[in-house]
Amino acid sequence: MPDDLQRGDARTAPGPEHAHASDTKPAEKHSSDDQKKPGFLKRHPLAIGIGLVVMALAIVGGYLYWRTNIRPYETTDDAFVDARQFAVAPKVSGYVTAVAVTDNQHVEAGATLFTIDPRDYQTALEQAKAKVSAAQAAIDNVDAQIAAQRAQIEEAAAEVEQTQAALRFAEEDAARYEDLKSRGSGTVQQYQQSASNLRQQQANLARAKAGQTAAQRQVGSLEAQRVSAVAELAQAKAQVDQAELNLSYTTVTAAQAGRIVRLGAAKGQYAQAGQSLSMFVPDETWVTANFKETQITDMRPGQPVEVRIDAYPDHTITGHVDSVQPGSGTAFSLLPAENATGNYIKVVQRVPVKITVDGWPTDVAIGPGMSVVPTVTVR
């Protein structure tokens, strides 16, 4: 009996090995069930696809809305650095005696660039000054003649007055002898002599008055000569001024600050008046950006601009819109388009926009024609 109980207890009371086996079987079954269960992507593939399409459409729609309604800037790669460069040429001809600059050199306003041989122009100046002295001497001579002639006029006036006094005496004398003759107290000879003296004094008075008139008219002639001499003096002084200008033109200077480009002058070269010796690029430069006409809708002067230079991408420059050209670029070209002839195809036009820069970098060389990419904040 105890043996049977012991065997029964042994059958009913499992050992540690049996207990472990019975505990692990349910866990292994649950794990196998999870592995056999399909995932969410496999169970709902259509929903995932629709969600991705909706997301893509939302992104594209948002980008298009931002581009057409909210985008705060306009940019173009059709832009370049611009300036009013010009040719440097002398106003007078001559041999180049000195070249004070070199290629690509920066100069300040008033700096000497070239020197033309000044000797011919110095000689012309001395000749003009000599003409001035001669004209002034002619004026002084005429003034002296006028002064002498006025003295003669005074002398003639005095002679007229003296002759008039003598004439009055002769008239009185002739009247007295005529009275004596009529009364028989005087002789005929005395009467005739007094009458002759009267006629002589009358002739003397006429001659004196004529001399006075001639002297006065001579003054008028001399004054006309003086006017001519004064005009010659003014002409001579103008020649002096021109000669001084020509002499000053032998030194070619910079009208403003900038750089010498394409230097072509050499010492000993004969330069004609107006011949280009170099190109000059002023320091005042800006950006000309050719935006599409559909890009300038909200573009206004004063809007901030960020400029990137193709040659120096590490340098970012700031500026602002200065002005928008009132018309497309083709409207001001040498041969503008004529849309009223032939078949018409609409083409988006380009409108030049002037952009001024706050400050160019000083450690790099930037000049006209270099490509830039401006970005204008329009909203």
Protein backbone atom coordinates (compact mmCIF):
# COMPACT_ATOMS: atom_id res chain seq x y z
CA MET A 1 0.00 0.00 0.00
CA PRO A 2 2.60 2.51 0.76
CA ASP A 3 4.38 1.40 -2.39
CA ASP A 4 1.20 1.98 -4.41
CA LEU A 5 0.78 5.41 -2.88
CA GLN A 6 4.29 6.20 -3.60
CA ARG A 7 3.83 5.10 -7.22
CA GLY A 8 0.60 7.08 -7.41
CA ASP A 9 2.26 10.15 -5.99
CA ALA A 10 5.00 9.70 -8.42
CA ARG A 11 2.53 9.62 -11.31
CA THR A 12 0.46 12.54 -10.11
CA ALA A 13 3.31 14.78 -8.96
CA PRO A 14 5.40 15.70 -11.93
CA GLY A 15 9.05 16.42 -11.53
CA PRO A 16 10.89 19.54 -12.39
CA GLU A 17 11.57 18.43 -15.98
CA HIS A 18 7.86 17.81 -16.66
CA ALA A 19 6.87 21.14 -15.11
CA HIS A 20 9.33 23.05 -17.40
CA ALA A 21 8.11 21.33 -20.50
CA SER A 22 4.47 22.08 -19.73
CA ASP A 23 5.27 25.82 -19.10
CA THR A 24 7.14 26.42 -22.42
CA LYS A 25 4.68 24.84 -24.82
CA PRO A 26 2.02 27.64 -24.70
CA ALA A 27 4.69 30.36 -25.24
CA GLU A 28 6.10 28.56 -28.26
CA LYS A 29 2.61 28.27 -29.72
CA HIS A 30 1.91 32.03 -29.22
CA SER A 31 5.20 32.94 -30.92
CA SER A 32 4.44 30.81 -33.93
CA ASP A 33 1.00 32.46 -34.21
CA ASP A 34 2.60 35.95 -34.32
CA GLN A 35 4.98 34.89 -37.07
CA LYS A 36 2.18 33.58 -39.21
CA LYS A 37 0.07 36.87 -38.77
CA PRO A 38 0.66 39.30 -41.84
CA GLY A 39 1.89 42.95 -41.27
CA PHE A 40 -0.09 46.20 -41.80
CA LEU A 41 1.57 47.02 -45.15
CA LYS A 42 0.65 43.58 -46.46
CA ARG A 43 -2.87 43.82 -45.12
CA HIS A 44 -3.57 47.40 -46.51
CA PRO A 45 -1.42 47.98 -49.65
CA LEU A 46 -4.09 50.04 -51.41
CA ALA A 47 -4.45 52.48 -48.55
CA ILE A 48 -0.70 53.00 -48.42
CA GLY A 49 -0.55 53.66 -52.17
CA ILE A 50 -3.39 56.17 -51.98
CA GLY A 51 -1.72 57.90 -49.06
CA LEU A 52 1.55 58.24 -50.97
CA VAL A 53 -0.24 59.66 -54.01
CA VAL A 54 -2.13 62.15 -51.87
CA MET A 55 1.09 63.19 -50.15
CA ALA A 56 2.87 63.66 -53.49
CA LEU A 57 -0.01 65.73 -54.84
CA ALA A 58 -0.04 67.84 -51.70
CA ILE A 59 3.70 68.52 -52.02
CA VAL A 60 3.45 69.41 -55.71
CA GLY A 61 0.40 71.59 -55.12
CA GLY A 62 2.03 73.35 -52.20
CA TYR A 63 5.17 74.03 -54.26
CA LEU A 64 3.16 75.42 -57.16
CA TYR A 65 1.11 77.62 -54.85
CA TRP A 66 4.29 78.88 -53.17
CA ARG A 67 5.91 79.52 -56.53
CA THR A 68 2.94 81.44 -57.97
CA ASN A 69 1.60 83.22 -54.90
CA ILE A 70 3.99 83.19 -51.99
CA ARG A 71 7.52 83.01 -53.49
CA PRO A 72 9.27 86.13 -52.08
CA TYR A 73 11.99 86.59 -54.71
CA GLU A 74 12.79 86.71 -58.42
CA THR A 75 16.12 85.67 -59.90
CA THR A 76 17.79 85.38 -63.29
CA ASP A 77 21.11 84.28 -64.72
CA ASP A 78 20.84 86.78 -67.59
CA ALA A 79 22.71 89.48 -65.68
CA PHE A 80 26.14 91.07 -65.80
CA VAL A 81 28.27 93.82 -64.30
CA ASP A 82 27.84 97.07 -66.22
CA ALA A 83 29.64 100.43 -66.37
CA ARG A 84 30.01 103.42 -68.65
CA GLN A 85 33.49 102.64 -69.92
CA PHE A 86 35.01 104.94 -72.53
CA ALA A 87 38.11 105.45 -74.64
CA VAL A 88 40.88 107.76 -73.45
CA ALA A 89 42.15 109.92 -76.33
CA PRO A 90 44.20 113.15 -76.53
CA LYS A 91 42.65 116.34 -77.94
CA VAL A 92 45.89 117.35 -79.64
CA SER A 93 48.31 115.52 -81.90
CA GLY A 94 51.94 114.84 -81.11
CA TYR A 95 54.49 112.32 -79.99
CA VAL A 96 53.89 110.54 -76.69
CA THR A 97 56.76 111.47 -74.39
CA ALA A 98 55.64 109.61 -71.25
CA VAL A 99 53.16 106.93 -70.18
CA ALA A 100 52.48 107.25 -66.45
CA VAL A 101 50.25 104.17 -66.05
CA THR A 102 50.31 100.47 -66.76
CA ASP A 103 47.77 97.81 -67.63
CA ASN A 104 44.80 97.41 -65.27
CA GLN A 105 46.12 100.09 -62.92
CA HIS A 106 43.70 101.95 -60.68
CA VAL A 107 44.03 105.74 -60.76
CA GLU A 108 42.35 108.58 -58.93
CA ALA A 109 40.66 111.57 -60.51
CA GLY A 110 43.19 114.05 -61.90
CA ALA A 111 46.03 111.54 -62.14
CA THR A 112 48.34 111.92 -65.16
CA LEU A 113 47.93 109.16 -67.76
CA PHE A 114 49.93 110.24 -70.82
CA THR A 115 52.06 113.20 -71.89
CA ILE A 116 52.26 114.61 -75.43
CA ASP A 117 55.32 116.59 -76.58
CA PRO A 118 54.40 120.17 -75.51
CA ARG A 119 57.07 122.16 -77.40
CA ASP A 120 54.98 123.01 -80.47
CA TYR A 121 52.09 124.12 -78.30
CA GLN A 122 54.37 126.16 -76.05
CA THR A 123 55.66 128.00 -79.14
CA ALA A 124 52.10 128.64 -80.31
CA LEU A 125 51.31 130.09 -76.90
CA GLU A 126 54.26 132.48 -77.08
CA GLN A 127 53.16 133.61 -80.53
CA ALA A 128 49.65 134.27 -79.28
CA LYS A 129 51.01 136.27 -76.37
CA ALA A 130 53.11 138.33 -78.80
CA LYS A 131 49.96 139.11 -80.79
CA VAL A 132 48.33 140.29 -77.61
CA SER A 133 51.24 142.65 -76.96
CA ALA A 134 51.09 143.95 -80.53
CA ALA A 135 47.34 144.53 -80.30
CA GLN A 136 47.76 146.33 -77.01
CA ALA A 137 50.51 148.50 -78.51
CA ALA A 138 48.22 149.35 -81.42
CA ILE A 139 45.52 150.43 -78.99
CA ASP A 140 47.99 152.60 -77.08
CA ASN A 141 49.14 154.19 -80.35
CA VAL A 142 45.59 154.99 -81.38
CA ASP A 143 44.89 156.40 -77.93
CA ALA A 144 47.92 158.69 -78.31
CA GLN A 145 46.73 159.81 -81.72
CA ILE A 146 43.28 160.52 -80.37
CA ALA A 147 44.78 162.56 -77.56
CA ALA A 148 46.88 164.53 -80.05
CA GLN A 149 43.89 165.02 -82.28
CA ARG A 150 41.81 166.34 -79.42
CA ALA A 151 44.56 168.87 -78.79
CA GLN A 152 44.34 169.89 -82.42
CA ILE A 153 40.59 170.24 -82.03
CA GLU A 154 41.13 172.59 -79.11
CA GLU A 155 43.68 174.53 -81.16
CA ALA A 156 41.24 174.72 -84.05
CA ALA A 157 38.52 175.92 -81.71
CA ALA A 158 40.83 178.62 -80.40
CA GLU A 159 41.71 179.65 -83.93
CA VAL A 160 38.03 179.86 -84.80
CA GLU A 161 37.42 182.06 -81.79
CA GLN A 162 40.39 184.28 -82.72
CA THR A 163 39.21 184.52 -86.29
CA GLN A 164 35.72 185.43 -85.16
CA ALA A 165 37.17 188.27 -83.06
CA ALA A 166 39.21 189.49 -86.02
CA LEU A 167 36.13 189.21 -88.21
CA ARG A 168 34.10 191.36 -85.82
CA PHE A 169 36.82 193.98 -85.86
CA ALA A 170 37.00 193.85 -89.65
CA GLU A 171 33.23 194.21 -89.90
CA GLU A 172 33.27 197.21 -87.60
CA ASP A 173 36.25 198.68 -89.43
CA ALA A 174 34.60 198.19 -92.81
CA ALA A 175 31.36 199.74 -91.57
CA ARG A 176 33.27 202.76 -90.22
CA TYR A 177 35.19 203.37 -93.46
CA GLU A 178 32.02 202.91 -95.45
CA ASP A 179 30.36 205.58 -93.35
CA LEU A 180 33.31 207.90 -93.79
CA LYS A 181 33.30 207.27 -97.50
CA SER A 182 29.58 208.08 -97.75
CA ARG A 183 30.15 211.39 -95.94
CA GLY A 184 33.22 212.20 -98.01
CA SER A 185 35.59 212.06 -95.08
CA GLY A 186 37.36 208.87 -96.00
CA THR A 187 39.24 207.78 -98.99
CA VAL A 188 38.15 205.10 -101.39
CA GLN A 189 41.39 203.26 -100.83
CA GLN A 190 40.78 202.95 -97.09
CA TYR A 191 37.26 201.74 -97.77
CA GLN A 192 38.44 199.11 -100.21
CA GLN A 193 41.20 198.00 -97.88
CA SER A 194 38.75 197.57 -94.97
CA ALA A 195 36.32 195.69 -97.21
CA SER A 196 39.14 193.39 -98.39
CA ASN A 197 40.23 192.82 -94.81
CA LEU A 198 36.65 191.90 -93.94
CA ARG A 199 36.50 189.36 -96.71
CA GLN A 200 39.87 187.92 -95.60
CA GLN A 201 38.66 187.53 -92.04
CA GLN A 202 35.48 185.86 -93.25
CA ALA A 203 37.59 183.41 -95.27
CA ASN A 204 39.86 182.83 -92.26
CA LEU A 205 36.83 182.04 -90.12
CA ALA A 206 35.51 179.58 -92.68
CA ARG A 207 38.95 177.97 -92.92
CA ALA A 208 39.23 177.73 -89.12
CA LYS A 209 35.80 176.18 -88.83
CA ALA A 210 36.66 173.68 -91.56
CA GLY A 211 39.87 172.79 -89.73
CA GLN A 212 37.93 172.30 -86.54
CA THR A 213 35.44 170.03 -88.31
CA ALA A 214 38.25 168.02 -89.93
CA ALA A 215 39.97 167.59 -86.57
CA GLN A 216 36.75 166.37 -85.00
CA ARG A 217 36.17 163.91 -87.83
CA GLN A 218 39.71 162.67 -87.50
CA VAL A 219 38.94 161.79 -83.90
CA GLY A 220 36.04 159.67 -85.11
CA SER A 221 38.32 157.86 -87.54
CA LEU A 222 40.87 157.21 -84.82
CA GLU A 223 38.17 155.94 -82.47
CA ALA A 224 37.06 153.51 -85.20
CA GLN A 225 40.67 152.36 -85.49
CA ARG A 226 40.74 151.91 -81.75
CA VAL A 227 37.63 149.72 -81.86
CA SER A 228 39.33 147.57 -84.50
CA ALA A 229 42.48 147.39 -82.39
CA VAL A 230 40.44 146.37 -79.35
CA ALA A 231 38.81 143.61 -81.40
CA GLU A 232 42.24 142.42 -82.51
CA LEU A 233 43.31 142.41 -78.88
CA ALA A 234 40.31 140.30 -77.90
CA GLN A 235 41.07 137.91 -80.75
CA ALA A 236 44.68 137.68 -79.68
CA LYS A 237 43.64 136.98 -76.09
CA ALA A 238 41.29 134.25 -77.33
CA GLN A 239 44.20 132.76 -79.24
CA VAL A 240 46.22 132.84 -76.03
CA ASP A 241 43.43 131.04 -74.19
CA GLN A 242 43.22 128.42 -76.95
CA ALA A 243 46.98 128.01 -76.97
CA GLU A 244 46.97 127.54 -73.21
CA LEU A 245 44.21 124.95 -73.54
CA ASN A 246 46.13 123.12 -76.27
CA LEU A 247 49.21 123.17 -74.07
CA SER A 248 47.22 121.77 -71.16
CA TYR A 249 45.82 119.05 -73.43
CA THR A 250 49.32 117.69 -73.87
CA THR A 251 48.91 116.18 -70.39
CA VAL A 252 46.10 113.62 -70.49
CA THR A 253 44.57 113.14 -67.03
CA ALA A 254 41.87 110.92 -65.54
CA ALA A 255 38.49 112.63 -65.37
CA GLN A 256 37.37 110.31 -62.55
CA ALA A 257 38.59 107.40 -60.47
CA GLY A 258 38.81 104.08 -62.28
CA ARG A 259 41.03 101.52 -63.99
CA ILE A 260 43.13 101.63 -67.15
CA VAL A 261 42.19 98.77 -69.50
CA ARG A 262 43.61 97.77 -72.89
CA LEU A 263 46.53 100.20 -72.71
CA GLY A 264 47.79 100.92 -76.22
CA ALA A 265 50.02 103.97 -75.76
CA ALA A 266 53.79 103.72 -75.88
CA LYS A 267 56.58 106.26 -75.49
CA GLY A 268 57.62 107.65 -78.88
CA GLN A 269 54.30 106.83 -80.52
CA TYR A 270 52.71 109.54 -82.64
CA ALA A 271 49.15 110.03 -81.45
CA GLN A 272 46.49 111.73 -83.53
CA ALA A 273 43.86 113.92 -81.91
CA GLY A 274 40.99 111.66 -80.95
CA GLN A 275 43.01 108.45 -81.27
CA SER A 276 42.22 105.91 -78.54
CA LEU A 277 45.23 105.23 -76.33
CA SER A 278 43.42 103.05 -73.76
CA MET A 279 40.04 102.17 -72.32
CA PHE A 280 38.92 103.52 -68.96
CA VAL A 281 36.53 101.74 -66.60
CA PRO A 282 35.14 104.04 -63.87
CA ASP A 283 34.75 102.84 -60.29
CA GLU A 284 31.01 103.42 -60.54
CA THR A 285 29.64 100.07 -61.66
CA TRP A 286 26.29 98.36 -61.27
CA VAL A 287 24.42 95.22 -62.31
CA THR A 288 22.14 95.08 -65.34
CA ALA A 289 19.75 92.15 -64.97
CA ASN A 290 17.46 91.18 -67.85
CA PHE A 291 14.39 89.76 -66.13
CA LYS A 292 11.48 88.24 -67.98
CA GLU A 293 8.56 90.60 -68.25
CA THR A 294 6.54 88.19 -66.13
CA GLN A 295 9.06 88.59 -63.30
CA ILE A 296 8.82 92.34 -62.84
CA THR A 297 5.17 92.38 -61.74
CA ASP A 298 6.05 93.16 -58.12
CA MET A 299 9.52 94.59 -58.72
CA ARG A 300 9.99 98.14 -57.46
CA PRO A 301 12.95 100.49 -56.88
CA GLY A 302 14.51 100.12 -53.45
CA GLN A 303 13.85 96.38 -53.03
CA PRO A 304 16.81 94.45 -51.56
CA VAL A 305 18.92 92.30 -53.85
CA GLU A 306 21.46 89.58 -53.20
CA VAL A 307 24.05 89.17 -55.96
CA ARG A 308 26.25 86.14 -56.54
CA ILE A 309 29.23 86.49 -58.87
CA ASP A 310 29.94 83.50 -61.09
CA ALA A 311 33.70 84.09 -60.98
CA TYR A 312 33.76 84.37 -57.19
CA PRO A 313 30.96 82.19 -55.77
CA ASP A 314 32.27 82.66 -52.22
CA HIS A 315 31.44 86.37 -52.34
CA THR A 316 27.84 87.39 -51.78
CA ILE A 317 27.04 91.04 -52.43
CA THR A 318 24.02 93.03 -51.36
CA GLY A 319 22.34 95.88 -53.17
CA HIS A 320 18.94 97.21 -54.17
CA VAL A 321 16.88 97.79 -57.28
CA ASP A 322 17.67 101.23 -58.69
CA SER A 323 15.27 101.39 -61.64
CA VAL A 324 13.37 99.34 -64.18
CA GLN A 325 13.76 100.28 -67.82
CA PRO A 326 10.48 101.51 -69.31
CA GLY A 327 10.49 99.08 -72.22
CA SER A 328 11.95 95.77 -73.30
CA GLY A 329 15.47 95.38 -74.54
CA THR A 330 14.43 94.70 -78.13
CA ALA A 331 12.50 97.97 -78.32
CA PHE A 332 15.78 99.93 -78.07
CA SER A 333 17.91 97.66 -80.23
CA LEU A 334 19.38 98.73 -83.56
CA LEU A 335 16.80 96.67 -85.45
CA PRO A 336 13.70 96.43 -83.23
CA ALA A 337 11.21 93.66 -83.87
CA GLU A 338 8.21 94.50 -86.08
CA ASN A 339 5.36 92.34 -84.89
CA ALA A 340 2.96 93.74 -87.46
CA THR A 341 4.63 91.85 -90.31
CA GLY A 342 4.78 88.13 -91.03
CA ASN A 343 3.60 85.39 -88.73
CA TYR A 344 3.51 86.35 -85.07
CA ILE A 345 4.88 84.08 -82.36
CA LYS A 346 4.66 85.41 -78.84
CA VAL A 347 7.98 85.44 -77.06
CA VAL A 348 8.45 86.47 -73.44
CA GLN A 349 10.45 89.68 -73.55
CA ARG A 350 13.35 90.67 -71.32
CA VAL A 351 13.33 93.95 -69.41
CA PRO A 352 16.65 95.43 -68.17
CA VAL A 353 16.70 96.25 -64.46
CA LYS A 354 19.47 98.40 -62.98
CA ILE A 355 20.74 97.13 -59.61
CA THR A 356 23.14 99.21 -57.55
CA VAL A 357 25.53 97.44 -55.21
CA ASP A 358 26.19 98.54 -51.63
CA GLY A 359 29.88 97.71 -51.94
CA TRP A 360 32.01 95.60 -54.24
CA PRO A 361 34.67 93.35 -52.68
CA THR A 362 38.11 94.89 -52.84
CA ASP A 363 40.14 91.68 -52.83
CA VAL A 364 39.01 90.56 -56.29
CA ALA A 365 38.85 92.12 -59.75
CA ILE A 366 35.31 92.84 -60.93
CA GLY A 367 34.55 94.61 -64.17
CA PRO A 368 31.97 95.09 -66.91
CA GLY A 369 30.66 91.99 -68.63
CA MET A 370 31.20 89.55 -65.75
CA SER A 371 28.24 87.26 -65.16
CA VAL A 372 26.25 87.51 -61.93
CA VAL A 373 23.05 86.02 -60.57
CA PRO A 374 20.88 88.56 -58.72
CA THR A 375 18.04 87.55 -56.41
CA VAL A 376 15.49 90.30 -55.79
CA THR A 377 13.19 90.09 -52.78
CA VAL A 378 9.89 91.32 -54.18
CA ARG A 379 7.60 90.41 -51.23
